[in-house]
Structure formats: C-alpha cells, structure tokens
Amino acid sequence: MDLRTYYQKIRDTEAGIPTQFAVVISKTTDNGGKSGLPVEVTREVAAKMMVEGSAALATPEQTATFHAKQAAANKAAKEAAVGEKLSVTVVSSDDLKKLTDDLTKLRGKSRPAEG
C-alpha cells in the first residue's frame, strides 16, 4: 500500500469522527484480536484502527451502553475505596478507661476519683 494513500485514508476517517474520543468495537484479527470488545480511544487512534480493519466505530447505542457501564464501574470503585477507608475498632470498657486515663495524664489534668 502506498503510504500517502494510507495516511490520507486515516485523515479522511478521522475527519468523519465528530468527537475527540470515540468508542470503537474490536474485530477479530489474525494476531489474536477478539471481536466485539468496546474501547474508548482518541479520534486519531480510532481512525487508524478503522483503516487497518481492526475495529469499527460504535453506534450511538453501543457508545451509550459503554459509557453507562464505565460510569457504574467507576461508582462501584469509588464506593469500595470509601468502604476501605472506614474502619471501626471495638474497645472494651476497661481499655477505654485506660485510654482516657492516659489521655488526661498527657493533658496534665487529673481524673476525679470515682466513688
């Protein structure tokens, strides 16, 4: 293939992609590429993949589904991260009394006598 023709096809295909990022659907390739996997790439990469025959531009419905799944995965990851940050420690009443006594000693105050 002539390189000028190849790059002209890429430029023409890129001009037909309306957004900066595009969702493409992979096609089966000779080197092990799997068919039907969506991925979001830059306009330039999408055009190159389309010209080389390794992907096709996703339909608006496929793009919406892809973005919805990505948003759900992002939300789940954020919730999991928040869940990991939250920790609870159970302290017995004797340990709590000792901790509060130590804290009052550090502050320079004496704890009133119980009784």
N, C-alpha and C. Protein backbone atom coordinates (compact mmCIF):
# COMPACT_ATOMS: atom_id res chain seq x y z
N MET A 1 0.85 -1.19 0.00
CA MET A 1 0.00 0.00 0.00
C MET A 1 0.89 1.24 0.00
N ASP A 2 0.48 2.21 -0.74
CA ASP A 2 1.17 3.49 -0.80
C ASP A 2 0.95 4.24 0.52
N LEU A 3 2.04 4.74 1.11
CA LEU A 3 1.94 5.43 2.40
C LEU A 3 1.08 6.68 2.32
N ARG A 4 1.16 7.38 1.19
CA ARG A 4 0.33 8.59 1.05
C ARG A 4 -1.15 8.23 1.09
N THR A 5 -1.50 7.18 0.42
CA THR A 5 -2.89 6.74 0.39
C THR A 5 -3.33 6.29 1.79
N TYR A 6 -2.46 5.53 2.45
CA TYR A 6 -2.75 5.04 3.80
C TYR A 6 -3.03 6.20 4.75
N TYR A 7 -2.14 7.17 4.81
CA TYR A 7 -2.33 8.29 5.73
C TYR A 7 -3.48 9.19 5.32
N GLN A 8 -3.75 9.28 4.02
CA GLN A 8 -4.90 10.07 3.57
C GLN A 8 -6.20 9.40 4.02
N LYS A 9 -6.25 8.07 3.96
CA LYS A 9 -7.43 7.35 4.45
C LYS A 9 -7.63 7.59 5.95
N ILE A 10 -6.52 7.58 6.69
CA ILE A 10 -6.62 7.84 8.13
C ILE A 10 -7.14 9.25 8.38
N ARG A 11 -6.61 10.24 7.66
CA ARG A 11 -7.08 11.62 7.84
C ARG A 11 -8.56 11.76 7.47
N ASP A 12 -8.97 11.12 6.38
CA ASP A 12 -10.37 11.19 5.96
C ASP A 12 -11.29 10.54 6.99
N THR A 13 -10.88 9.38 7.50
CA THR A 13 -11.67 8.68 8.51
C THR A 13 -11.74 9.51 9.79
N GLU A 14 -10.61 10.09 10.16
CA GLU A 14 -10.56 10.93 11.38
C GLU A 14 -11.49 12.12 11.26
N ALA A 15 -11.57 12.70 10.07
CA ALA A 15 -12.44 13.86 9.86
C ALA A 15 -13.91 13.48 10.03
N GLY A 16 -14.24 12.22 9.84
CA GLY A 16 -15.62 11.78 9.97
C GLY A 16 -16.02 11.44 11.39
N ILE A 17 -15.09 11.48 12.32
CA ILE A 17 -15.40 11.19 13.72
C ILE A 17 -15.68 12.52 14.42
N PRO A 18 -16.88 12.71 14.93
CA PRO A 18 -17.28 14.03 15.42
C PRO A 18 -16.71 14.45 16.78
N THR A 19 -16.28 13.51 17.60
CA THR A 19 -15.82 13.86 18.95
C THR A 19 -14.33 13.58 19.11
N GLN A 20 -13.73 14.17 20.15
CA GLN A 20 -12.30 13.98 20.41
C GLN A 20 -11.98 12.53 20.78
N PHE A 21 -12.91 11.88 21.48
CA PHE A 21 -12.75 10.48 21.85
C PHE A 21 -13.90 9.69 21.23
N ALA A 22 -13.59 8.48 20.79
CA ALA A 22 -14.60 7.65 20.14
C ALA A 22 -14.56 6.24 20.72
N VAL A 23 -15.72 5.63 20.79
CA VAL A 23 -15.80 4.23 21.20
C VAL A 23 -15.77 3.40 19.93
N VAL A 24 -14.85 2.44 19.90
CA VAL A 24 -14.76 1.52 18.77
C VAL A 24 -15.00 0.10 19.28
N ILE A 25 -15.50 -0.73 18.38
CA ILE A 25 -15.75 -2.13 18.69
C ILE A 25 -14.72 -2.95 17.93
N SER A 26 -14.00 -3.78 18.65
CA SER A 26 -12.92 -4.55 18.02
C SER A 26 -13.47 -5.61 17.07
N LYS A 27 -12.63 -5.97 16.10
CA LYS A 27 -12.94 -7.05 15.17
C LYS A 27 -11.90 -8.15 15.36
N THR A 28 -12.24 -9.34 14.94
CA THR A 28 -11.30 -10.45 15.01
C THR A 28 -10.12 -10.17 14.08
N THR A 29 -8.91 -10.38 14.58
CA THR A 29 -7.72 -10.17 13.76
C THR A 29 -6.88 -11.44 13.70
N ASP A 30 -5.98 -11.49 12.74
CA ASP A 30 -5.12 -12.65 12.56
C ASP A 30 -4.15 -12.86 13.72
N ASN A 31 -3.83 -11.78 14.43
CA ASN A 31 -2.86 -11.90 15.53
C ASN A 31 -3.52 -12.09 16.89
N GLY A 32 -4.77 -12.56 16.91
CA GLY A 32 -5.41 -12.90 18.17
C GLY A 32 -6.39 -11.89 18.71
N GLY A 33 -6.68 -10.85 17.96
CA GLY A 33 -7.65 -9.85 18.42
C GLY A 33 -9.04 -10.44 18.54
N LYS A 34 -9.75 -10.09 19.61
CA LYS A 34 -11.09 -10.63 19.85
C LYS A 34 -12.14 -9.67 19.33
N SER A 35 -13.20 -10.23 18.84
CA SER A 35 -14.28 -9.44 18.27
C SER A 35 -15.27 -8.99 19.33
N GLY A 36 -15.81 -7.78 19.16
CA GLY A 36 -16.90 -7.31 19.99
C GLY A 36 -16.54 -6.60 21.27
N LEU A 37 -15.25 -6.32 21.50
CA LEU A 37 -14.86 -5.63 22.73
C LEU A 37 -14.84 -4.11 22.50
N PRO A 38 -15.63 -3.37 23.28
CA PRO A 38 -15.62 -1.91 23.12
C PRO A 38 -14.47 -1.27 23.88
N VAL A 39 -13.93 -0.20 23.32
CA VAL A 39 -12.88 0.56 23.99
C VAL A 39 -12.98 2.01 23.52
N GLU A 40 -12.67 2.92 24.42
CA GLU A 40 -12.71 4.35 24.07
C GLU A 40 -11.28 4.82 23.81
N VAL A 41 -11.08 5.39 22.65
CA VAL A 41 -9.75 5.84 22.23
C VAL A 41 -9.86 7.23 21.63
N THR A 42 -8.70 7.85 21.38
CA THR A 42 -8.72 9.16 20.73
C THR A 42 -9.19 9.01 19.29
N ARG A 43 -9.60 10.12 18.74
CA ARG A 43 -10.07 10.14 17.36
C ARG A 43 -9.00 9.60 16.41
N GLU A 44 -7.74 9.97 16.65
CA GLU A 44 -6.65 9.54 15.77
C GLU A 44 -6.45 8.03 15.81
N VAL A 45 -6.46 7.47 17.02
CA VAL A 45 -6.29 6.02 17.17
C VAL A 45 -7.48 5.29 16.57
N ALA A 46 -8.69 5.80 16.78
CA ALA A 46 -9.89 5.18 16.22
C ALA A 46 -9.81 5.13 14.70
N ALA A 47 -9.39 6.23 14.09
CA ALA A 47 -9.28 6.28 12.63
C ALA A 47 -8.26 5.26 12.14
N LYS A 48 -7.13 5.15 12.81
CA LYS A 48 -6.08 4.20 12.41
C LYS A 48 -6.61 2.77 12.53
N MET A 49 -7.28 2.46 13.63
CA MET A 49 -7.82 1.11 13.83
C MET A 49 -8.87 0.78 12.77
N MET A 50 -9.69 1.77 12.41
CA MET A 50 -10.72 1.54 11.41
C MET A 50 -10.11 1.31 10.03
N VAL A 51 -9.10 2.10 9.67
CA VAL A 51 -8.44 1.93 8.37
C VAL A 51 -7.74 0.58 8.29
N GLU A 52 -7.13 0.16 9.39
CA GLU A 52 -6.42 -1.12 9.40
C GLU A 52 -7.37 -2.31 9.52
N GLY A 53 -8.65 -2.05 9.78
CA GLY A 53 -9.63 -3.13 9.83
C GLY A 53 -9.69 -3.87 11.16
N SER A 54 -9.10 -3.30 12.20
CA SER A 54 -9.13 -3.99 13.50
C SER A 54 -10.28 -3.53 14.38
N ALA A 55 -11.03 -2.51 13.96
CA ALA A 55 -12.15 -2.02 14.76
C ALA A 55 -13.13 -1.27 13.87
N ALA A 56 -14.33 -1.13 14.38
CA ALA A 56 -15.38 -0.35 13.71
C ALA A 56 -15.92 0.66 14.71
N LEU A 57 -16.35 1.80 14.21
CA LEU A 57 -16.91 2.83 15.08
C LEU A 57 -18.21 2.32 15.69
N ALA A 58 -18.36 2.51 16.99
CA ALA A 58 -19.57 2.05 17.69
C ALA A 58 -20.77 2.90 17.32
N THR A 59 -21.93 2.29 17.36
CA THR A 59 -23.16 3.03 17.13
C THR A 59 -23.44 3.91 18.36
N PRO A 60 -24.31 4.90 18.22
CA PRO A 60 -24.65 5.72 19.40
C PRO A 60 -25.20 4.89 20.56
N GLU A 61 -25.95 3.84 20.28
CA GLU A 61 -26.48 2.98 21.33
C GLU A 61 -25.35 2.23 22.03
N GLN A 62 -24.41 1.69 21.25
CA GLN A 62 -23.27 0.98 21.83
C GLN A 62 -22.41 1.92 22.67
N THR A 63 -22.25 3.15 22.20
CA THR A 63 -21.47 4.14 22.93
C THR A 63 -22.15 4.48 24.26
N ALA A 64 -23.47 4.67 24.23
CA ALA A 64 -24.21 4.98 25.45
C ALA A 64 -24.12 3.82 26.45
N THR A 65 -24.23 2.60 25.96
CA THR A 65 -24.11 1.43 26.84
C THR A 65 -22.72 1.34 27.44
N PHE A 66 -21.70 1.58 26.63
CA PHE A 66 -20.32 1.55 27.11
C PHE A 66 -20.10 2.59 28.20
N HIS A 67 -20.57 3.82 27.97
CA HIS A 67 -20.39 4.88 28.96
C HIS A 67 -21.16 4.59 30.25
N ALA A 68 -22.35 3.99 30.12
CA ALA A 68 -23.12 3.65 31.31
C ALA A 68 -22.39 2.59 32.14
N LYS A 69 -21.83 1.59 31.47
CA LYS A 69 -21.07 0.55 32.19
C LYS A 69 -19.83 1.14 32.84
N GLN A 70 -19.15 2.05 32.16
CA GLN A 70 -17.96 2.69 32.72
C GLN A 70 -18.32 3.53 33.94
N ALA A 71 -19.44 4.26 33.87
CA ALA A 71 -19.88 5.08 35.00
C ALA A 71 -20.24 4.20 36.20
N ALA A 72 -20.90 3.07 35.94
CA ALA A 72 -21.26 2.16 37.03
C ALA A 72 -20.00 1.56 37.66
N ALA A 73 -19.04 1.19 36.84
CA ALA A 73 -17.79 0.62 37.37
C ALA A 73 -17.02 1.67 38.18
N ASN A 74 -17.03 2.91 37.71
CA ASN A 74 -16.35 4.00 38.42
C ASN A 74 -17.02 4.25 39.77
N LYS A 75 -18.34 4.24 39.78
CA LYS A 75 -19.08 4.45 41.03
C LYS A 75 -18.79 3.33 42.02
N ALA A 76 -18.78 2.09 41.53
CA ALA A 76 -18.51 0.95 42.41
C ALA A 76 -17.09 1.03 42.97
N ALA A 77 -16.14 1.44 42.15
CA ALA A 77 -14.76 1.57 42.63
C ALA A 77 -14.64 2.65 43.69
N LYS A 78 -15.34 3.77 43.50
CA LYS A 78 -15.30 4.84 44.49
C LYS A 78 -15.94 4.39 45.80
N GLU A 79 -17.05 3.66 45.71
CA GLU A 79 -17.71 3.17 46.92
C GLU A 79 -16.83 2.16 47.65
N ALA A 80 -16.14 1.33 46.89
CA ALA A 80 -15.23 0.36 47.51
C ALA A 80 -14.07 1.07 48.20
N ALA A 81 -13.58 2.13 47.58
CA ALA A 81 -12.47 2.90 48.18
C ALA A 81 -12.92 3.56 49.48
N VAL A 82 -14.13 4.09 49.50
CA VAL A 82 -14.66 4.72 50.71
C VAL A 82 -14.84 3.65 51.79
N GLY A 83 -15.33 2.48 51.41
CA GLY A 83 -15.52 1.39 52.36
C GLY A 83 -14.21 0.93 52.97
N GLU A 84 -13.13 0.99 52.21
CA GLU A 84 -11.83 0.60 52.73
C GLU A 84 -11.26 1.63 53.69
N LYS A 85 -11.62 2.88 53.51
CA LYS A 85 -11.12 3.93 54.39
C LYS A 85 -11.79 3.91 55.76
N LEU A 86 -13.03 3.46 55.81
CA LEU A 86 -13.78 3.45 57.05
C LEU A 86 -13.37 2.23 57.87
N SER A 87 -12.91 2.47 59.07
CA SER A 87 -12.56 1.34 59.93
C SER A 87 -13.15 1.57 61.31
N VAL A 88 -13.57 0.51 61.93
CA VAL A 88 -14.17 0.57 63.24
C VAL A 88 -13.36 -0.32 64.16
N THR A 89 -13.04 0.19 65.35
CA THR A 89 -12.32 -0.60 66.33
C THR A 89 -13.19 -0.75 67.56
N VAL A 90 -13.37 -1.97 67.99
CA VAL A 90 -14.16 -2.24 69.19
C VAL A 90 -13.20 -2.26 70.37
N VAL A 91 -13.52 -1.45 71.37
CA VAL A 91 -12.67 -1.33 72.55
C VAL A 91 -13.48 -1.71 73.77
N SER A 92 -12.92 -2.52 74.62
CA SER A 92 -13.62 -2.91 75.85
C SER A 92 -13.67 -1.71 76.79
N SER A 93 -14.56 -1.76 77.77
CA SER A 93 -14.70 -0.64 78.69
C SER A 93 -13.44 -0.46 79.54
N ASP A 94 -12.75 -1.54 79.89
CA ASP A 94 -11.51 -1.43 80.65
C ASP A 94 -10.43 -0.73 79.82
N ASP A 95 -10.33 -1.11 78.55
CA ASP A 95 -9.34 -0.47 77.68
C ASP A 95 -9.68 1.00 77.46
N LEU A 96 -10.96 1.30 77.33
CA LEU A 96 -11.39 2.69 77.16
C LEU A 96 -11.02 3.52 78.37
N LYS A 97 -11.25 2.98 79.57
CA LYS A 97 -10.90 3.69 80.80
C LYS A 97 -9.40 3.96 80.85
N LYS A 98 -8.59 2.96 80.48
CA LYS A 98 -7.15 3.13 80.49
C LYS A 98 -6.72 4.21 79.48
N LEU A 99 -7.34 4.19 78.29
CA LEU A 99 -7.01 5.19 77.28
C LEU A 99 -7.38 6.60 77.74
N THR A 100 -8.55 6.75 78.35
CA THR A 100 -8.96 8.07 78.81
C THR A 100 -8.08 8.53 79.97
N ASP A 101 -7.68 7.61 80.84
CA ASP A 101 -6.76 7.96 81.93
C ASP A 101 -5.42 8.44 81.36
N ASP A 102 -4.92 7.71 80.38
CA ASP A 102 -3.65 8.10 79.74
C ASP A 102 -3.77 9.46 79.08
N LEU A 103 -4.91 9.71 78.45
CA LEU A 103 -5.12 10.99 77.78
C LEU A 103 -5.17 12.14 78.78
N THR A 104 -5.84 11.95 79.88
CA THR A 104 -5.90 13.01 80.88
C THR A 104 -4.52 13.26 81.49
N LYS A 105 -3.73 12.22 81.67
CA LYS A 105 -2.36 12.40 82.17
C LYS A 105 -1.53 13.21 81.19
N LEU A 106 -1.71 12.93 79.90
CA LEU A 106 -0.96 13.67 78.88
C LEU A 106 -1.36 15.14 78.84
N ARG A 107 -2.60 15.41 79.12
CA ARG A 107 -3.09 16.79 79.13
C ARG A 107 -2.70 17.52 80.41
N GLY A 108 -2.23 16.79 81.40
CA GLY A 108 -1.81 17.41 82.64
C GLY A 108 -2.94 17.58 83.63
N LYS A 109 -4.04 16.92 83.42
CA LYS A 109 -5.17 17.02 84.34
C LYS A 109 -5.27 15.70 85.07
N SER A 110 -5.85 15.77 86.23
CA SER A 110 -6.08 14.52 86.97
C SER A 110 -7.54 14.15 86.85
N ARG A 111 -7.79 12.89 86.79
CA ARG A 111 -9.16 12.40 86.68
C ARG A 111 -9.77 12.37 88.09
N PRO A 112 -10.99 12.85 88.22
CA PRO A 112 -11.63 12.82 89.54
C PRO A 112 -11.84 11.39 90.01
N ALA A 113 -11.72 11.22 91.31
CA ALA A 113 -11.86 9.90 91.90
C ALA A 113 -13.29 9.43 91.77
N GLU A 114 -13.42 8.15 91.43
CA GLU A 114 -14.76 7.58 91.30
C GLU A 114 -15.21 7.07 92.66
N GLY A 115 -16.43 7.18 92.88
CA GLY A 115 -16.74 6.59 94.12
C GLY A 115 -18.03 6.70 94.69
